[in-house]
Amino acid sequence: MSLPTGATVVGIKCSDGAVVATDSMISWGTTVLSEKGIKAFKLTDTIVLASAGLTSDYQMLVNRLKAQIKLYELNQKKEISVKSLSKIIANTLYARRMAPLYVQTVVVGIDEDGPALFTLDMGGSLIPDTFTAAGSGIRTAYGVLEHEYSPEITVKEAEETAIRAVKAGIARDIQSGGPIRVMSVTKDGVTEREAN
């Protein structure tokens, strides 16, 4: 389904963590609403969600997930894993499949099982992967990812690959643009930076 809003979101699972990079343009059709949009969110100290789609839908999803994470951790008396959180997202999206949230979601993080990356579509499909792209700029972003990815890639290397992939998406997709935001997850936590 084609949406009147665009994005380029990239995720990479690394040997020592995981990385997401996003553009920051919020558009509606051919109108640019903002070049300061946030499309990646720190959900826990070791899990990040990035999303393409309708801004209101992924903002609502993030707010709901923050509450669900607190409930999970109170009930289970332990930190939520990347897979468990991804399954909660999948169940949420599947339950809404008749009135869907227009989002393509990438979840990256690190837990006791190591680095992880999951991609979810708006129907709730849960796909573990090593690298992924979402949004309207994926065609050119995937070209960069497929050329540069290797299983031994480190977070530092993946940050640069992710930036190049988002830049490629921006170069060929009219609905992607603005500064590139990069969030990296390692055992030490989440770091965030902006690249041009």
N, C-alpha and C. Protein backbone atom coordinates (compact mmCIF):
# COMPACT_ATOMS: atom_id res chain seq x y z
N MET A 1 0.84 -1.18 0.00
CA MET A 1 0.00 0.00 0.00
C MET A 1 0.88 1.24 0.00
N SER A 2 0.58 2.16 -0.88
CA SER A 2 1.33 3.40 -0.97
C SER A 2 0.74 4.44 -0.03
N LEU A 3 1.60 5.08 0.74
CA LEU A 3 1.16 6.09 1.70
C LEU A 3 1.64 7.46 1.26
N PRO A 4 0.93 8.52 1.63
CA PRO A 4 1.34 9.86 1.26
C PRO A 4 2.46 10.40 2.16
N THR A 5 3.11 9.53 2.90
CA THR A 5 4.22 9.93 3.76
C THR A 5 5.39 9.00 3.49
N GLY A 6 6.61 9.51 3.60
CA GLY A 6 7.78 8.69 3.26
C GLY A 6 8.81 8.68 4.36
N ALA A 7 9.84 7.85 4.15
CA ALA A 7 10.93 7.74 5.12
C ALA A 7 11.99 6.80 4.55
N THR A 8 13.18 6.88 5.11
CA THR A 8 14.20 5.86 4.89
C THR A 8 14.73 5.48 6.26
N VAL A 9 14.50 4.22 6.64
CA VAL A 9 14.92 3.68 7.94
C VAL A 9 15.77 2.45 7.66
N VAL A 10 16.92 2.35 8.33
CA VAL A 10 17.84 1.24 8.11
C VAL A 10 18.21 0.63 9.46
N GLY A 11 18.29 -0.70 9.53
CA GLY A 11 18.73 -1.39 10.73
C GLY A 11 19.80 -2.41 10.39
N ILE A 12 20.82 -2.53 11.24
CA ILE A 12 21.90 -3.49 11.02
C ILE A 12 22.24 -4.18 12.34
N LYS A 13 22.25 -5.51 12.31
CA LYS A 13 22.71 -6.31 13.45
C LYS A 13 24.21 -6.49 13.30
N CYS A 14 24.95 -6.24 14.37
CA CYS A 14 26.42 -6.26 14.32
C CYS A 14 26.97 -7.36 15.23
N SER A 15 28.27 -7.55 15.15
CA SER A 15 28.92 -8.55 16.01
C SER A 15 28.90 -8.11 17.47
N ASP A 16 28.88 -6.79 17.71
CA ASP A 16 28.95 -6.27 19.08
C ASP A 16 27.77 -5.38 19.45
N GLY A 17 26.69 -5.44 18.69
CA GLY A 17 25.52 -4.62 19.00
C GLY A 17 24.60 -4.49 17.80
N ALA A 18 23.95 -3.35 17.68
CA ALA A 18 23.03 -3.11 16.57
C ALA A 18 22.91 -1.61 16.34
N VAL A 19 22.52 -1.25 15.11
CA VAL A 19 22.46 0.16 14.71
C VAL A 19 21.18 0.41 13.93
N VAL A 20 20.54 1.57 14.16
CA VAL A 20 19.49 2.06 13.27
C VAL A 20 19.85 3.47 12.84
N ALA A 21 19.47 3.80 11.61
CA ALA A 21 19.64 5.17 11.11
C ALA A 21 18.36 5.55 10.38
N THR A 22 17.96 6.79 10.52
CA THR A 22 16.73 7.28 9.89
C THR A 22 16.95 8.66 9.30
N ASP A 23 16.13 8.98 8.31
CA ASP A 23 16.07 10.37 7.87
C ASP A 23 15.20 11.11 8.89
N SER A 24 15.00 12.41 8.68
CA SER A 24 14.22 13.16 9.67
C SER A 24 13.12 14.02 9.04
N MET A 25 12.81 13.75 7.76
CA MET A 25 11.77 14.53 7.10
C MET A 25 10.39 13.94 7.38
N ILE A 26 9.47 14.80 7.78
CA ILE A 26 8.07 14.42 7.90
C ILE A 26 7.36 15.09 6.73
N SER A 27 6.77 14.25 5.87
CA SER A 27 6.12 14.79 4.67
C SER A 27 4.69 14.28 4.57
N TRP A 28 3.92 14.98 3.77
CA TRP A 28 2.56 14.54 3.44
C TRP A 28 2.39 14.82 1.96
N GLY A 29 2.45 13.77 1.14
CA GLY A 29 2.42 13.97 -0.30
C GLY A 29 3.67 14.73 -0.72
N THR A 30 3.47 15.84 -1.41
CA THR A 30 4.61 16.65 -1.86
C THR A 30 4.91 17.81 -0.91
N THR A 31 4.28 17.82 0.25
CA THR A 31 4.49 18.89 1.23
C THR A 31 5.42 18.42 2.34
N VAL A 32 6.46 19.19 2.60
CA VAL A 32 7.37 18.90 3.72
C VAL A 32 6.80 19.58 4.95
N LEU A 33 6.46 18.80 5.96
CA LEU A 33 5.91 19.35 7.20
C LEU A 33 7.02 19.74 8.18
N SER A 34 8.10 18.94 8.19
CA SER A 34 9.20 19.23 9.10
C SER A 34 10.44 18.46 8.65
N GLU A 35 11.60 19.01 8.95
CA GLU A 35 12.85 18.28 8.74
C GLU A 35 13.50 17.95 10.08
N LYS A 36 12.69 17.99 11.15
CA LYS A 36 13.18 17.71 12.49
C LYS A 36 12.42 16.54 13.13
N GLY A 37 11.89 15.67 12.28
CA GLY A 37 11.10 14.55 12.79
C GLY A 37 11.96 13.50 13.46
N ILE A 38 11.41 12.88 14.49
CA ILE A 38 12.08 11.79 15.20
C ILE A 38 11.43 10.48 14.76
N LYS A 39 12.23 9.56 14.26
CA LYS A 39 11.70 8.27 13.78
C LYS A 39 12.32 7.08 14.50
N ALA A 40 13.24 7.33 15.45
CA ALA A 40 13.84 6.27 16.25
C ALA A 40 13.72 6.64 17.72
N PHE A 41 13.38 5.64 18.53
CA PHE A 41 13.05 5.88 19.94
C PHE A 41 13.75 4.86 20.83
N LYS A 42 14.35 5.35 21.91
CA LYS A 42 14.95 4.47 22.92
C LYS A 42 13.82 3.98 23.81
N LEU A 43 13.57 2.65 23.79
CA LEU A 43 12.49 2.09 24.61
C LEU A 43 13.00 1.59 25.96
N THR A 44 14.21 1.03 25.96
CA THR A 44 14.87 0.63 27.21
C THR A 44 16.34 1.02 27.08
N ASP A 45 17.14 0.66 28.08
CA ASP A 45 18.57 0.97 28.02
C ASP A 45 19.30 0.20 26.94
N THR A 46 18.65 -0.85 26.39
CA THR A 46 19.32 -1.68 25.38
C THR A 46 18.43 -2.02 24.18
N ILE A 47 17.31 -1.32 24.01
CA ILE A 47 16.41 -1.60 22.88
C ILE A 47 15.95 -0.28 22.24
N VAL A 48 16.02 -0.24 20.92
CA VAL A 48 15.60 0.91 20.15
C VAL A 48 14.58 0.48 19.10
N LEU A 49 13.55 1.28 18.91
CA LEU A 49 12.56 1.07 17.86
C LEU A 49 12.67 2.21 16.86
N ALA A 50 12.71 1.88 15.57
CA ALA A 50 12.67 2.89 14.51
C ALA A 50 11.50 2.55 13.61
N SER A 51 10.84 3.58 13.07
CA SER A 51 9.64 3.31 12.29
C SER A 51 9.48 4.28 11.14
N ALA A 52 8.93 3.74 10.05
CA ALA A 52 8.51 4.55 8.91
C ALA A 52 6.99 4.45 8.84
N GLY A 53 6.35 5.47 8.32
CA GLY A 53 4.90 5.44 8.20
C GLY A 53 4.28 6.72 8.72
N LEU A 54 3.04 6.61 9.18
CA LEU A 54 2.35 7.77 9.70
C LEU A 54 2.92 8.15 11.07
N THR A 55 3.33 9.39 11.21
CA THR A 55 3.96 9.85 12.44
C THR A 55 3.07 9.62 13.65
N SER A 56 1.79 9.95 13.53
CA SER A 56 0.87 9.78 14.67
C SER A 56 0.77 8.32 15.08
N ASP A 57 0.78 7.41 14.10
CA ASP A 57 0.65 5.99 14.42
C ASP A 57 1.88 5.47 15.16
N TYR A 58 3.09 5.81 14.70
CA TYR A 58 4.24 5.26 15.43
C TYR A 58 4.48 5.98 16.75
N GLN A 59 4.05 7.23 16.88
CA GLN A 59 4.15 7.90 18.18
C GLN A 59 3.21 7.23 19.19
N MET A 60 2.00 6.92 18.74
CA MET A 60 1.04 6.24 19.63
C MET A 60 1.57 4.85 20.02
N LEU A 61 2.14 4.12 19.04
CA LEU A 61 2.69 2.79 19.32
C LEU A 61 3.81 2.87 20.35
N VAL A 62 4.70 3.84 20.21
CA VAL A 62 5.82 4.00 21.15
C VAL A 62 5.30 4.30 22.56
N ASN A 63 4.34 5.19 22.69
CA ASN A 63 3.78 5.51 24.01
C ASN A 63 3.14 4.29 24.66
N ARG A 64 2.42 3.53 23.86
CA ARG A 64 1.78 2.31 24.37
C ARG A 64 2.83 1.28 24.80
N LEU A 65 3.90 1.15 24.01
CA LEU A 65 4.94 0.17 24.33
C LEU A 65 5.69 0.52 25.62
N LYS A 66 5.92 1.79 25.84
CA LYS A 66 6.61 2.19 27.08
C LYS A 66 5.82 1.75 28.31
N ALA A 67 4.50 1.86 28.24
CA ALA A 67 3.66 1.39 29.35
C ALA A 67 3.69 -0.14 29.45
N GLN A 68 3.64 -0.82 28.31
CA GLN A 68 3.65 -2.29 28.31
C GLN A 68 4.98 -2.84 28.82
N ILE A 69 6.07 -2.16 28.51
CA ILE A 69 7.39 -2.59 29.01
C ILE A 69 7.41 -2.52 30.54
N LYS A 70 6.89 -1.43 31.11
CA LYS A 70 6.86 -1.29 32.57
C LYS A 70 6.02 -2.40 33.21
N LEU A 71 4.86 -2.68 32.60
CA LEU A 71 4.01 -3.75 33.13
C LEU A 71 4.70 -5.10 33.05
N TYR A 72 5.34 -5.39 31.92
CA TYR A 72 6.07 -6.65 31.74
C TYR A 72 7.14 -6.80 32.81
N GLU A 73 7.94 -5.75 33.01
CA GLU A 73 9.05 -5.83 33.96
C GLU A 73 8.57 -5.92 35.40
N LEU A 74 7.42 -5.31 35.72
CA LEU A 74 6.84 -5.47 37.06
C LEU A 74 6.34 -6.89 37.28
N ASN A 75 5.67 -7.44 36.27
CA ASN A 75 5.12 -8.80 36.38
C ASN A 75 6.20 -9.87 36.36
N GLN A 76 7.16 -9.74 35.46
CA GLN A 76 8.18 -10.78 35.29
C GLN A 76 9.39 -10.61 36.20
N LYS A 77 9.52 -9.41 36.79
CA LYS A 77 10.65 -9.08 37.67
C LYS A 77 12.00 -9.27 36.97
N LYS A 78 12.03 -8.91 35.70
CA LYS A 78 13.27 -8.93 34.92
C LYS A 78 13.12 -7.98 33.74
N GLU A 79 14.26 -7.62 33.13
CA GLU A 79 14.22 -6.74 31.97
C GLU A 79 13.65 -7.48 30.77
N ILE A 80 12.94 -6.78 29.92
CA ILE A 80 12.35 -7.38 28.74
C ILE A 80 13.44 -7.65 27.70
N SER A 81 13.33 -8.77 27.00
CA SER A 81 14.29 -9.09 25.95
C SER A 81 13.83 -8.46 24.63
N VAL A 82 14.74 -8.39 23.68
CA VAL A 82 14.41 -7.81 22.36
C VAL A 82 13.31 -8.64 21.70
N LYS A 83 13.42 -9.96 21.78
CA LYS A 83 12.42 -10.83 21.15
C LYS A 83 11.06 -10.69 21.82
N SER A 84 11.03 -10.63 23.14
CA SER A 84 9.75 -10.49 23.85
C SER A 84 9.06 -9.18 23.49
N LEU A 85 9.82 -8.09 23.44
CA LEU A 85 9.24 -6.81 23.07
C LEU A 85 8.75 -6.83 21.62
N SER A 86 9.53 -7.44 20.75
CA SER A 86 9.12 -7.54 19.34
C SER A 86 7.84 -8.34 19.20
N LYS A 87 7.69 -9.38 20.01
CA LYS A 87 6.46 -10.19 19.97
C LYS A 87 5.26 -9.38 20.48
N ILE A 88 5.46 -8.54 21.49
CA ILE A 88 4.39 -7.66 21.97
C ILE A 88 3.97 -6.71 20.84
N ILE A 89 4.94 -6.15 20.12
CA ILE A 89 4.63 -5.27 18.98
C ILE A 89 3.87 -6.04 17.92
N ALA A 90 4.33 -7.25 17.59
CA ALA A 90 3.66 -8.07 16.58
C ALA A 90 2.22 -8.35 16.97
N ASN A 91 1.99 -8.69 18.23
CA ASN A 91 0.62 -8.97 18.70
C ASN A 91 -0.25 -7.71 18.63
N THR A 92 0.34 -6.56 18.99
CA THR A 92 -0.40 -5.29 18.93
C THR A 92 -0.81 -4.98 17.49
N LEU A 93 0.14 -5.11 16.55
CA LEU A 93 -0.15 -4.81 15.15
C LEU A 93 -1.15 -5.80 14.56
N TYR A 94 -1.01 -7.08 14.92
CA TYR A 94 -1.94 -8.09 14.40
C TYR A 94 -3.35 -7.85 14.92
N ALA A 95 -3.46 -7.48 16.18
CA ALA A 95 -4.79 -7.20 16.76
C ALA A 95 -5.47 -6.03 16.06
N ARG A 96 -4.67 -5.13 15.48
CA ARG A 96 -5.21 -3.95 14.80
C ARG A 96 -5.28 -4.13 13.29
N ARG A 97 -5.16 -5.36 12.79
CA ARG A 97 -5.03 -5.57 11.35
C ARG A 97 -6.23 -5.09 10.54
N MET A 98 -7.43 -5.02 11.12
CA MET A 98 -8.60 -4.54 10.38
C MET A 98 -8.69 -3.01 10.39
N ALA A 99 -8.02 -2.38 11.33
CA ALA A 99 -7.88 -0.91 11.37
C ALA A 99 -6.42 -0.65 11.70
N PRO A 100 -5.53 -0.91 10.72
CA PRO A 100 -4.09 -1.00 11.02
C PRO A 100 -3.43 0.32 11.37
N LEU A 101 -2.33 0.17 12.11
CA LEU A 101 -1.41 1.28 12.30
C LEU A 101 -0.50 1.28 11.07
N TYR A 102 -0.42 2.41 10.38
CA TYR A 102 0.38 2.47 9.16
C TYR A 102 1.84 2.70 9.50
N VAL A 103 2.51 1.61 9.87
CA VAL A 103 3.90 1.66 10.29
C VAL A 103 4.66 0.46 9.73
N GLN A 104 5.92 0.68 9.41
CA GLN A 104 6.89 -0.38 9.19
C GLN A 104 7.92 -0.20 10.30
N THR A 105 8.12 -1.23 11.09
CA THR A 105 8.88 -1.08 12.32
C THR A 105 10.15 -1.92 12.31
N VAL A 106 11.23 -1.34 12.81
CA VAL A 106 12.51 -2.03 12.99
C VAL A 106 12.86 -1.96 14.47
N VAL A 107 13.13 -3.11 15.09
CA VAL A 107 13.51 -3.17 16.50
C VAL A 107 14.92 -3.74 16.58
N VAL A 108 15.82 -3.02 17.23
CA VAL A 108 17.18 -3.51 17.44
C VAL A 108 17.52 -3.43 18.91
N GLY A 109 18.43 -4.31 19.32
CA GLY A 109 18.85 -4.28 20.72
C GLY A 109 19.84 -5.36 21.02
N ILE A 110 20.18 -5.44 22.30
CA ILE A 110 21.10 -6.46 22.78
C ILE A 110 20.59 -6.94 24.13
N ASP A 111 20.65 -8.24 24.36
CA ASP A 111 20.23 -8.82 25.64
C ASP A 111 21.10 -10.03 25.93
N GLU A 112 20.64 -10.90 26.83
CA GLU A 112 21.47 -12.06 27.21
C GLU A 112 21.72 -13.01 26.05
N ASP A 113 20.89 -12.94 25.00
CA ASP A 113 21.10 -13.77 23.81
C ASP A 113 21.99 -13.10 22.77
N GLY A 114 22.44 -11.89 23.05
CA GLY A 114 23.30 -11.17 22.12
C GLY A 114 22.53 -10.13 21.32
N PRO A 115 23.17 -9.58 20.29
CA PRO A 115 22.51 -8.58 19.45
C PRO A 115 21.33 -9.19 18.69
N ALA A 116 20.31 -8.35 18.42
CA ALA A 116 19.12 -8.84 17.70
C ALA A 116 18.53 -7.71 16.87
N LEU A 117 17.88 -8.11 15.77
CA LEU A 117 17.17 -7.19 14.90
C LEU A 117 15.90 -7.88 14.42
N PHE A 118 14.78 -7.19 14.52
CA PHE A 118 13.50 -7.70 14.03
C PHE A 118 12.82 -6.64 13.18
N THR A 119 12.21 -7.08 12.08
CA THR A 119 11.42 -6.21 11.23
C THR A 119 9.97 -6.62 11.36
N LEU A 120 9.07 -5.63 11.42
CA LEU A 120 7.64 -5.91 11.50
C LEU A 120 6.90 -5.07 10.47
N ASP A 121 5.94 -5.69 9.78
CA ASP A 121 5.09 -4.91 8.88
C ASP A 121 3.82 -4.54 9.64
N MET A 122 2.91 -3.81 8.99
CA MET A 122 1.74 -3.32 9.71
C MET A 122 0.74 -4.40 10.06
N GLY A 123 0.90 -5.60 9.50
CA GLY A 123 0.04 -6.72 9.86
C GLY A 123 0.56 -7.53 11.03
N GLY A 124 1.77 -7.21 11.50
CA GLY A 124 2.32 -7.90 12.66
C GLY A 124 3.28 -9.03 12.33
N SER A 125 3.68 -9.18 11.06
CA SER A 125 4.68 -10.21 10.73
C SER A 125 5.97 -9.89 11.47
N LEU A 126 6.55 -10.90 12.10
CA LEU A 126 7.76 -10.73 12.91
C LEU A 126 8.90 -11.46 12.22
N ILE A 127 9.88 -10.71 11.72
CA ILE A 127 10.95 -11.30 10.91
C ILE A 127 12.31 -10.98 11.54
N PRO A 128 13.01 -12.00 12.07
CA PRO A 128 14.38 -11.76 12.53
C PRO A 128 15.29 -11.62 11.32
N ASP A 129 16.26 -10.71 11.39
CA ASP A 129 17.10 -10.49 10.22
C ASP A 129 18.46 -9.97 10.65
N THR A 130 19.39 -9.85 9.69
CA THR A 130 20.71 -9.31 9.97
C THR A 130 20.81 -7.84 9.57
N PHE A 131 20.07 -7.46 8.52
CA PHE A 131 19.95 -6.05 8.15
C PHE A 131 18.61 -5.86 7.47
N THR A 132 18.12 -4.62 7.50
CA THR A 132 16.81 -4.35 6.91
C THR A 132 16.69 -2.87 6.58
N ALA A 133 15.69 -2.57 5.78
CA ALA A 133 15.34 -1.18 5.50
C ALA A 133 13.82 -1.07 5.45
N ALA A 134 13.31 0.10 5.76
CA ALA A 134 11.86 0.33 5.74
C ALA A 134 11.59 1.72 5.19
N GLY A 135 10.38 1.91 4.70
CA GLY A 135 9.98 3.21 4.19
C GLY A 135 10.06 3.29 2.68
N SER A 136 9.83 4.49 2.19
CA SER A 136 9.76 4.69 0.74
C SER A 136 11.13 4.72 0.07
N GLY A 137 12.21 4.85 0.84
CA GLY A 137 13.56 4.89 0.27
C GLY A 137 14.29 3.56 0.32
N ILE A 138 13.58 2.46 0.51
CA ILE A 138 14.26 1.17 0.74
C ILE A 138 15.00 0.63 -0.47
N ARG A 139 14.53 0.92 -1.66
CA ARG A 139 15.15 0.29 -2.83
C ARG A 139 16.63 0.63 -2.95
N THR A 140 16.96 1.90 -2.83
CA THR A 140 18.37 2.27 -2.92
C THR A 140 19.12 1.97 -1.63
N ALA A 141 18.45 2.05 -0.49
CA ALA A 141 19.10 1.73 0.78
C ALA A 141 19.54 0.26 0.80
N TYR A 142 18.69 -0.64 0.30
CA TYR A 142 19.06 -2.06 0.26
C TYR A 142 20.27 -2.31 -0.61
N GLY A 143 20.43 -1.54 -1.69
CA GLY A 143 21.60 -1.71 -2.54
C GLY A 143 22.89 -1.51 -1.76
N VAL A 144 22.93 -0.47 -0.93
CA VAL A 144 24.11 -0.21 -0.10
C VAL A 144 24.28 -1.32 0.94
N LEU A 145 23.20 -1.69 1.62
CA LEU A 145 23.28 -2.71 2.66
C LEU A 145 23.77 -4.05 2.12
N GLU A 146 23.23 -4.46 1.00
CA GLU A 146 23.63 -5.75 0.42
C GLU A 146 25.08 -5.74 -0.03
N HIS A 147 25.57 -4.60 -0.45
CA HIS A 147 26.96 -4.50 -0.90
C HIS A 147 27.94 -4.48 0.27
N GLU A 148 27.57 -3.83 1.37
CA GLU A 148 28.53 -3.57 2.44
C GLU A 148 28.40 -4.46 3.68
N TYR A 149 27.27 -5.16 3.83
CA TYR A 149 27.07 -5.94 5.06
C TYR A 149 27.96 -7.18 5.10
N SER A 150 28.48 -7.49 6.27
CA SER A 150 29.13 -8.78 6.53
C SER A 150 28.79 -9.18 7.96
N PRO A 151 28.75 -10.47 8.26
CA PRO A 151 28.39 -10.92 9.62
C PRO A 151 29.34 -10.41 10.70
N GLU A 152 30.57 -10.05 10.33
CA GLU A 152 31.55 -9.58 11.30
C GLU A 152 31.52 -8.06 11.49
N ILE A 153 30.59 -7.37 10.86
CA ILE A 153 30.55 -5.90 10.93
C ILE A 153 30.41 -5.43 12.38
N THR A 154 31.17 -4.42 12.73
CA THR A 154 31.11 -3.86 14.09
C THR A 154 30.14 -2.69 14.11
N VAL A 155 29.77 -2.25 15.30
CA VAL A 155 28.87 -1.11 15.43
C VAL A 155 29.46 0.13 14.76
N LYS A 156 30.74 0.37 14.97
CA LYS A 156 31.39 1.54 14.37
C LYS A 156 31.30 1.50 12.85
N GLU A 157 31.57 0.34 12.26
CA GLU A 157 31.48 0.19 10.80
C GLU A 157 30.02 0.29 10.33
N ALA A 158 29.12 -0.32 11.10
CA ALA A 158 27.71 -0.33 10.72
C ALA A 158 27.11 1.07 10.75
N GLU A 159 27.57 1.92 11.66
CA GLU A 159 27.07 3.30 11.68
C GLU A 159 27.34 3.99 10.35
N GLU A 160 28.55 3.82 9.81
CA GLU A 160 28.89 4.45 8.54
C GLU A 160 28.12 3.82 7.38
N THR A 161 27.96 2.51 7.40
CA THR A 161 27.17 1.83 6.37
C THR A 161 25.72 2.31 6.41
N ALA A 162 25.16 2.40 7.61
CA ALA A 162 23.77 2.85 7.75
C ALA A 162 23.60 4.28 7.25
N ILE A 163 24.55 5.14 7.55
CA ILE A 163 24.49 6.53 7.06
C ILE A 163 24.51 6.55 5.53
N ARG A 164 25.42 5.76 4.93
CA ARG A 164 25.48 5.71 3.47
C ARG A 164 24.18 5.18 2.87
N ALA A 165 23.57 4.19 3.54
CA ALA A 165 22.32 3.62 3.04
C ALA A 165 21.18 4.63 3.10
N VAL A 166 21.09 5.37 4.20
CA VAL A 166 20.04 6.39 4.32
C VAL A 166 20.30 7.52 3.32
N LYS A 167 21.56 7.91 3.15
CA LYS A 167 21.89 8.94 2.15
C LYS A 167 21.46 8.51 0.75
N ALA A 168 21.65 7.23 0.44
CA ALA A 168 21.23 6.71 -0.87
C ALA A 168 19.72 6.79 -1.00
N GLY A 169 18.99 6.46 0.08
CA GLY A 169 17.54 6.58 0.07
C GLY A 169 17.10 8.01 -0.14
N ILE A 170 17.74 8.94 0.57
CA ILE A 170 17.41 10.35 0.46
C ILE A 170 17.67 10.86 -0.96
N ALA A 171 18.76 10.39 -1.56
CA ALA A 171 19.14 10.87 -2.90
C ALA A 171 18.11 10.50 -3.96
N ARG A 172 17.40 9.39 -3.77
CA ARG A 172 16.49 8.90 -4.80
C ARG A 172 15.02 8.90 -4.41
N ASP A 173 14.71 9.31 -3.18
CA ASP A 173 13.32 9.31 -2.72
C ASP A 173 12.94 10.72 -2.31
N ILE A 174 11.97 11.29 -3.00
CA ILE A 174 11.56 12.68 -2.77
C ILE A 174 10.96 12.89 -1.38
N GLN A 175 10.46 11.81 -0.75
CA GLN A 175 9.82 11.94 0.56
C GLN A 175 10.75 11.65 1.74
N SER A 176 12.04 11.46 1.45
CA SER A 176 13.03 11.28 2.51
C SER A 176 13.99 12.46 2.48
N GLY A 177 14.46 12.88 3.65
CA GLY A 177 15.40 13.99 3.68
C GLY A 177 15.72 14.45 5.08
N GLY A 178 16.41 15.58 5.15
CA GLY A 178 16.79 16.14 6.44
C GLY A 178 18.02 15.47 7.01
N PRO A 179 18.43 15.88 8.20
CA PRO A 179 19.58 15.25 8.86
C PRO A 179 19.32 13.76 9.13
N ILE A 180 20.40 13.00 9.17
CA ILE A 180 20.31 11.56 9.45
C ILE A 180 20.58 11.35 10.93
N ARG A 181 19.69 10.61 11.58
CA ARG A 181 19.87 10.29 13.00
C ARG A 181 20.29 8.82 13.13
N VAL A 182 21.33 8.59 13.92
CA VAL A 182 21.87 7.25 14.11
C VAL A 182 21.78 6.90 15.60
N MET A 183 21.22 5.73 15.90
CA MET A 183 21.19 5.23 17.28
C MET A 183 21.88 3.87 17.29
N SER A 184 22.85 3.72 18.19
CA SER A 184 23.61 2.48 18.29
C SER A 184 23.39 1.86 19.66
N VAL A 185 23.26 0.54 19.67
CA VAL A 185 23.04 -0.20 20.92
C VAL A 185 24.20 -1.17 21.12
N THR A 186 24.84 -1.07 22.28
CA THR A 186 25.87 -2.04 22.68
C THR A 186 25.55 -2.47 24.11
N LYS A 187 26.40 -3.34 24.65
CA LYS A 187 26.18 -3.77 26.03
C LYS A 187 26.30 -2.60 27.01
N ASP A 188 26.91 -1.50 26.57
CA ASP A 188 27.06 -0.32 27.42
C ASP A 188 25.86 0.61 27.35
N GLY A 189 24.90 0.33 26.46
CA GLY A 189 23.71 1.16 26.36
C GLY A 189 23.50 1.72 24.97
N VAL A 190 22.69 2.79 24.89
CA VAL A 190 22.30 3.40 23.62
C VAL A 190 23.01 4.73 23.46
N THR A 191 23.60 4.95 22.29
CA THR A 191 24.17 6.24 21.96
C THR A 191 23.45 6.79 20.73
N GLU A 192 23.40 8.10 20.63
CA GLU A 192 22.69 8.74 19.53
C GLU A 192 23.52 9.87 18.97
N ARG A 193 23.49 10.02 17.64
CA ARG A 193 24.19 11.14 17.01
C ARG A 193 23.49 11.52 15.73
N GLU A 194 23.84 12.68 15.22
CA GLU A 194 23.26 13.19 13.99
C GLU A 194 24.36 13.32 12.95
N ALA A 195 24.04 12.91 11.71
CA ALA A 195 25.00 13.02 10.61
C ALA A 195 24.33 13.77 9.47
N ASN A 196 25.11 14.46 8.66
CA ASN A 196 24.56 15.17 7.51
C ASN A 196 24.94 14.49 6.22
